[in-house]
C-alpha atoms as a PDB file:
ATOM      1  CA  MET A   1     -18.844  18.382  28.699  1.00  0.00           C
ATOM      2  CA  LYS A   2     -17.452  21.789  30.896  1.00  0.00           C
ATOM      3  CA  TYR A   3     -13.873  22.239  30.876  1.00  0.00           C
ATOM      4  CA  THR A   4     -13.374  24.366  34.036  1.00  0.00           C
ATOM      5  CA  ARG A   5     -10.517  26.532  34.710  1.00  0.00           C
ATOM      6  CA  ALA A   6      -7.520  25.879  36.818  1.00  0.00           C
ATOM      7  CA  LYS A   7      -8.501  24.642  40.338  1.00  0.00           C
ATOM      8  CA  THR A   8      -6.976  23.804  44.003  1.00  0.00           C
ATOM      9  CA  PHE A   9      -8.446  20.888  45.100  1.00  0.00           C
ATOM     10  CA  GLU A  10      -8.781  21.550  48.994  1.00  0.00           C
ATOM     11  CA  THR A  11      -9.170  17.661  50.128  1.00  0.00           C
ATOM     12  CA  ALA A  12      -8.649  14.751  48.624  1.00  0.00           C
ATOM     13  CA  LYS A  13     -12.275  13.886  48.291  1.00  0.00           C
ATOM     14  CA  GLY A  14     -13.226  17.023  46.431  1.00  0.00           C
ATOM     15  CA  PHE A  15     -10.434  15.504  43.827  1.00  0.00           C
ATOM     16  CA  GLU A  16     -12.378  12.351  44.021  1.00  0.00           C
ATOM     17  CA  ARG A  17     -15.726  13.586  43.511  1.00  0.00           C
ATOM     18  CA  ALA A  18     -14.229  15.833  40.453  1.00  0.00           C
ATOM     19  CA  VAL A  19     -12.676  12.345  39.434  1.00  0.00           C
ATOM     20  CA  GLU A  20     -15.978  11.042  39.461  1.00  0.00           C
ATOM     21  CA  ARG A  21     -18.373  13.847  38.045  1.00  0.00           C
ATOM     22  CA  TYR A  22     -15.530  13.767  34.795  1.00  0.00           C
ATOM     23  CA  PHE A  23     -16.244   9.796  34.724  1.00  0.00           C
ATOM     24  CA  CYS A  24     -19.982  10.290  34.657  1.00  0.00           C
ATOM     25  CA  GLY A  25     -19.966  12.805  31.964  1.00  0.00           C
ATOM     26  CA  ILE A  26     -18.495  11.030  29.674  1.00  0.00           C
ATOM     27  CA  CYS A  27     -20.028   7.624  30.378  1.00  0.00           C
ATOM     28  CA  ARG A  28     -23.344   5.943  31.596  1.00  0.00           C
ATOM     29  CA  THR A  29     -24.221   2.605  33.496  1.00  0.00           C
ATOM     30  CA  VAL A  30     -27.117   0.905  31.621  1.00  0.00           C
ATOM     31  CA  VAL A  31     -29.165  -2.116  33.098  1.00  0.00           C
ATOM     32  CA  LEU A  32     -28.903  -4.952  30.061  1.00  0.00           C
ATOM     33  CA  THR A  33     -32.213  -6.989  29.750  1.00  0.00           C
ATOM     34  CA  GLU A  34     -33.315  -9.931  27.844  1.00  0.00           C
ATOM     35  CA  ASP A  35     -36.901 -10.422  26.235  1.00  0.00           C
ATOM     36  CA  VAL A  36     -39.245 -13.101  27.892  1.00  0.00           C
ATOM     37  CA  PRO A  37     -42.344 -14.840  27.162  1.00  0.00           C
ATOM     38  CA  SER A  38     -45.115 -12.242  29.001  1.00  0.00           C
ATOM     39  CA  GLY A  39     -47.722 -14.641  28.372  1.00  0.00           C
ATOM     40  CA  LEU A  40     -50.295 -12.653  26.109  1.00  0.00           C
ATOM     41  CA  ARG A  41     -50.997 -12.784  22.429  1.00  0.00           C
ATOM     42  CA  ASP A  42     -51.047 -10.021  19.727  1.00  0.00           C
ATOM     43  CA  GLU A  43     -54.576  -9.953  17.456  1.00  0.00           C
ATOM     44  CA  LYS A  44     -52.050 -12.003  14.448  1.00  0.00           C
ATOM     45  CA  ASP A  45     -51.176 -14.823  17.875  1.00  0.00           C
ATOM     46  CA  LYS A  46     -47.738 -14.020  18.079  1.00  0.00           C
ATOM     47  CA  GLU A  47     -46.462 -14.153  22.095  1.00  0.00           C
ATOM     48  CA  LEU A  48     -45.316 -11.119  23.125  1.00  0.00           C
ATOM     49  CA  LEU A  49     -42.294 -10.199  24.522  1.00  0.00           C
ATOM     50  CA  THR A  50     -41.102  -8.358  27.451  1.00  0.00           C
ATOM     51  CA  PRO A  51     -37.932  -7.075  28.570  1.00  0.00           C
ATOM     52  CA  CYS A  52     -36.523  -8.347  31.777  1.00  0.00           C
ATOM     53  CA  PRO A  53     -33.283  -7.238  33.416  1.00  0.00           C
ATOM     54  CA  LEU A  54     -30.653  -9.686  32.868  1.00  0.00           C
ATOM     55  CA  LEU A  55     -29.486 -11.331  36.167  1.00  0.00           C
ATOM     56  CA  ASN A  56     -26.153 -12.874  36.786  1.00  0.00           C
ATOM     57  CA  ASP A  57     -25.565 -15.895  38.301  1.00  0.00           C
ATOM     58  CA  ASN A  58     -24.955 -14.547  41.578  1.00  0.00           C
ATOM     59  CA  GLY A  59     -29.219 -13.158  41.014  1.00  0.00           C
ATOM     60  CA  GLU A  60     -28.031  -9.067  40.020  1.00  0.00           C
ATOM     61  CA  PRO A  61     -28.474  -7.338  37.476  1.00  0.00           C
ATOM     62  CA  VAL A  62     -26.069  -7.789  34.678  1.00  0.00           C
ATOM     63  CA  THR A  63     -24.683  -3.935  34.134  1.00  0.00           C
ATOM     64  CA  ASP A  64     -22.309  -2.115  31.196  1.00  0.00           C
ATOM     65  CA  THR A  65     -20.921   0.891  30.810  1.00  0.00           C
ATOM     66  CA  ARG A  66     -21.674   2.895  27.753  1.00  0.00           C
ATOM     67  CA  TRP A  67     -18.715   5.385  26.589  1.00  0.00           C
ATOM     68  CA  PHE A  68     -20.160   8.909  25.028  1.00  0.00           C
ATOM     69  CA  ARG A  69     -16.344   9.904  24.242  1.00  0.00           C
ATOM     70  CA  PRO A  70     -13.035   7.988  25.210  1.00  0.00           C
ATOM     71  CA  PRO A  71     -11.859   8.601  28.614  1.00  0.00           C
ATOM     72  CA  SER A  72      -8.144   9.584  28.667  1.00  0.00           C
ATOM     73  CA  MET A  73      -5.831  11.224  31.342  1.00  0.00           C
ATOM     74  CA  THR A  74      -5.514  14.492  29.455  1.00  0.00           C
ATOM     75  CA  ASP A  75      -9.508  14.946  28.923  1.00  0.00           C
ATOM     76  CA  LEU A  76      -9.508  14.082  32.496  1.00  0.00           C
ATOM     77  CA  CYS A  77      -6.917  17.102  33.412  1.00  0.00           C
ATOM     78  CA  LEU A  78      -8.609  19.428  30.956  1.00  0.00           C
ATOM     79  CA  TYR A  79     -11.825  18.633  32.318  1.00  0.00           C
ATOM     80  CA  LEU A  80     -10.118  19.898  35.929  1.00  0.00           C
ATOM     81  CA  GLY A  81      -8.392  22.536  34.969  1.00  0.00           C
ATOM     82  CA  ILE A  82      -5.191  21.317  36.000  1.00  0.00           C
ATOM     83  CA  SER A  83      -1.932  20.190  34.001  1.00  0.00           C
ATOM     84  CA  GLU A  84      -0.855  16.503  33.657  1.00  0.00           C
ATOM     85  CA  ALA A  85       2.484  17.578  35.795  1.00  0.00           C
ATOM     86  CA  ARG A  86       0.718  19.192  38.061  1.00  0.00           C
ATOM     87  CA  LEU A  87      -1.749  16.314  38.980  1.00  0.00           C
ATOM     88  CA  ALA A  88       2.210  13.808  39.041  1.00  0.00           C
ATOM     89  CA  GLU A  89       2.681  16.711  41.717  1.00  0.00           C
ATOM     90  CA  ALA A  90      -0.243  16.107  43.826  1.00  0.00           C
ATOM     91  CA  GLU A  91       0.090  12.455  43.552  1.00  0.00           C
ATOM     92  CA  ALA A  92       3.735  12.620  44.666  1.00  0.00           C
ATOM     93  CA  ARG A  93       2.879  15.332  47.968  1.00  0.00           C
ATOM     94  CA  ASP A  94       0.150  12.977  49.297  1.00  0.00           C
ATOM     95  CA  GLU A  95      -0.741   9.674  49.424  1.00  0.00           C
ATOM     96  CA  SER A  96      -4.848  10.255  48.879  1.00  0.00           C
ATOM     97  CA  TYR A  97      -4.360  11.939  45.753  1.00  0.00           C
ATOM     98  CA  ALA A  98      -1.840   9.685  44.368  1.00  0.00           C
ATOM     99  CA  ARG A  99      -4.701   6.474  45.184  1.00  0.00           C
ATOM    100  CA  VAL A 100      -7.437   8.755  43.274  1.00  0.00           C
ATOM    101  CA  ALA A 101      -5.040   9.480  40.559  1.00  0.00           C
ATOM    102  CA  ALA A 102      -4.523   5.561  39.887  1.00  0.00           C
ATOM    103  CA  ARG A 103      -7.813   4.262  40.076  1.00  0.00           C
ATOM    104  CA  ALA A 104      -8.323   6.886  37.048  1.00  0.00           C
ATOM    105  CA  ARG A 105      -5.736   5.519  35.411  1.00  0.00           C
ATOM    106  CA  ALA A 106      -6.874   2.032  36.167  1.00  0.00           C
ATOM    107  CA  ARG A 107     -10.777   2.895  34.512  1.00  0.00           C
ATOM    108  CA  ILE A 108      -9.567   4.379  31.935  1.00  0.00           C
ATOM    109  CA  GLU A 109      -6.703   0.987  31.327  1.00  0.00           C
ATOM    110  CA  SER A 110      -9.884  -0.854  31.601  1.00  0.00           C
ATOM    111  CA  TYR A 111     -11.354   0.772  28.908  1.00  0.00           C
ATOM    112  CA  LEU A 112      -8.730   0.554  26.127  1.00  0.00           C
ATOM    113  CA  GLN A 113      -8.402  -3.213  26.608  1.00  0.00           C
ATOM    114  CA  THR A 114     -12.106  -3.914  26.771  1.00  0.00           C
ATOM    115  CA  GLN A 115     -11.990  -2.128  23.272  1.00  0.00           C
ATOM    116  CA  LEU A 116      -8.411  -4.101  22.134  1.00  0.00           C
ATOM    117  CA  GLU A 117     -10.524  -6.966  22.806  1.00  0.00           C
ATOM    118  CA  LEU A 118     -13.738  -5.753  20.912  1.00  0.00           C
ATOM    119  CA  SER A 119     -11.584  -3.483  18.101  1.00  0.00           C
ATOM    120  CA  LYS A 120     -10.530  -4.335  14.667  1.00  0.00           C
ATOM    121  CA  ARG A 121      -8.719  -1.470  14.163  1.00  0.00           C
ATOM    122  CA  MET A 122      -6.260  -1.979  17.421  1.00  0.00           C
ATOM    123  CA  SER A 123      -3.146   0.000  16.743  1.00  0.00           C
ATOM    124  CA  GLY A 124      -3.996   3.338  18.215  1.00  0.00           C
ATOM    125  CA  ILE A 125      -5.499   1.378  21.136  1.00  0.00           C
ATOM    126  CA  ALA A 126      -2.129  -1.054  21.457  1.00  0.00           C
ATOM    127  CA  PHE A 127       0.100   1.761  20.951  1.00  0.00           C
ATOM    128  CA  LYS A 128      -1.864   3.796  23.908  1.00  0.00           C
ATOM    129  CA  LEU A 129      -1.390   0.476  26.368  1.00  0.00           C
ATOM    130  CA  THR A 130       2.417  -0.104  25.817  1.00  0.00           C
ATOM    131  CA  HIS A 131       3.409   3.389  26.061  1.00  0.00           C
ATOM    132  CA  LEU A 132       1.048   4.844  28.688  1.00  0.00           C
ATOM    133  CA  TYR A 133       0.045   1.787  30.745  1.00  0.00           C
ATOM    134  CA  GLY A 134       3.534   0.003  30.826  1.00  0.00           C
ATOM    135  CA  TRP A 135       2.227  -3.047  28.506  1.00  0.00           C
ATOM    136  CA  LYS A 136       5.153  -5.015  27.625  1.00  0.00           C
ATOM    137  CA  ASN A 137       5.643  -8.511  26.270  1.00  0.00           C
ATOM    138  CA  GLN A 138       2.220  -9.597  27.219  1.00  0.00           C
ATOM    139  CA  PRO A 139      -0.352 -11.427  25.345  1.00  0.00           C
ATOM    140  CA  PRO A 140      -3.167  -9.612  24.068  1.00  0.00           C
ATOM    141  CA  PRO A 141      -6.462  -9.874  26.594  1.00  0.00           C
ATOM    142  CA  GLY A 142      -8.280 -12.539  24.850  1.00  0.00           C
ATOM    143  CA  ALA A 143      -5.453 -14.417  22.715  1.00  0.00           C
ATOM    144  CA  GLY A 144      -4.697 -17.054  25.650  1.00  0.00           C
ATOM    145  CA  ALA A 145      -2.199 -20.157  25.061  1.00  0.00           C
ATOM    146  CA  ARG A 146      -2.775 -19.734  21.009  1.00  0.00           C
ATOM    147  CA  THR A 147      -0.038 -16.702  20.239  1.00  0.00           C
ATOM    148  CA  LEU A 148       2.277 -18.530  23.135  1.00  0.00           C
ATOM    149  CA  GLY A 149       4.196 -21.504  23.481  1.00  0.00           C
ATOM    150  CA  GLY A 150       6.148 -22.840  26.289  1.00  0.00           C
ATOM    151  CA  GLY A 151       6.680 -20.245  28.122  1.00  0.00           C
ATOM    152  CA  GLU A 152       8.514 -18.358  25.110  1.00  0.00           C
ATOM    153  CA  SER A 153       7.602 -14.863  24.669  1.00  0.00           C
ATOM    154  CA  LEU A 154       6.881 -13.637  21.299  1.00  0.00           C
ATOM    155  CA  PRO A 155       7.820 -10.059  20.090  1.00  0.00           C
ATOM    156  CA  LEU A 156       4.945  -7.376  20.115  1.00  0.00           C
ATOM    157  CA  ALA A 157       4.459  -6.685  16.879  1.00  0.00           C
ATOM    158  CA  GLU A 158       3.865 -10.489  16.558  1.00  0.00           C
ATOM    159  CA  LYS A 159       1.294 -10.595  18.811  1.00  0.00           C
ATOM    160  CA  PHE A 160      -0.433  -8.160  17.058  1.00  0.00           C
ATOM    161  CA  LYS A 161      -0.645 -10.203  13.879  1.00  0.00           C
ATOM    162  CA  LEU A 162      -1.516 -13.478  15.586  1.00  0.00           C
ATOM    163  CA  LEU A 163      -4.749 -11.671  17.224  1.00  0.00           C
ATOM    164  CA  ALA A 164      -4.941  -9.701  13.754  1.00  0.00           C
ATOM    165  CA  ALA A 165      -5.275 -13.324  12.450  1.00  0.00           C
ATOM    166  CA  LEU A 166      -7.361 -14.780  14.862  1.00  0.00           C
ATOM    167  CA  GLU A 167     -10.110 -12.159  14.134  1.00  0.00           C
ATOM    168  CA  CYS A 168     -10.262 -13.383  10.918  1.00  0.00           C
ATOM    169  CA  GLU A 169     -10.498 -16.940  11.906  1.00  0.00           C
ATOM    170  CA  GLU A 170     -13.684 -15.701  13.662  1.00  0.00           C
ATOM    171  CA  GLU A 171     -15.502 -13.729  11.245  1.00  0.00           C
ATOM    172  CA  ASN A 172     -15.106 -16.548   9.031  1.00  0.00           C
ATOM    173  CA  GLU A 173     -16.565 -19.043  11.480  1.00  0.00           C
END
């Protein structure tokens, strides 16, 4: 990925295009497929399968985002050629810039949340979500009612211990 020199974005639309280029440069979206019988057989009389797009209940193709590298606000600012302080100034000055930056933060938070759900080594991701995205006293995603009882709140460290225990249970099943 090419990082640029410091830039001044004349319009929020230009800023939005640059942010989108950053995300497009570090990921790609793929259509998920499933193998279905083709009706043909090979020389050993084994049925041949053909990959077909996987459809959701609305009849739309299911897609997945594959990340080449983890997104971060620091990396985004380096790509844009601006400091995080300069980004904060632009957000405070213009609502349009603030909306673009908020969407970028939401995409990064979504990536981190997905990684937290999928990862066995979650402490770094949990740190980022807690300290950079304001996650406080929330159960880890997917933990559900097994970590909280009757409306009481557990300390964050306890929640992560319970999540790790749940992962161990899943591995043993």
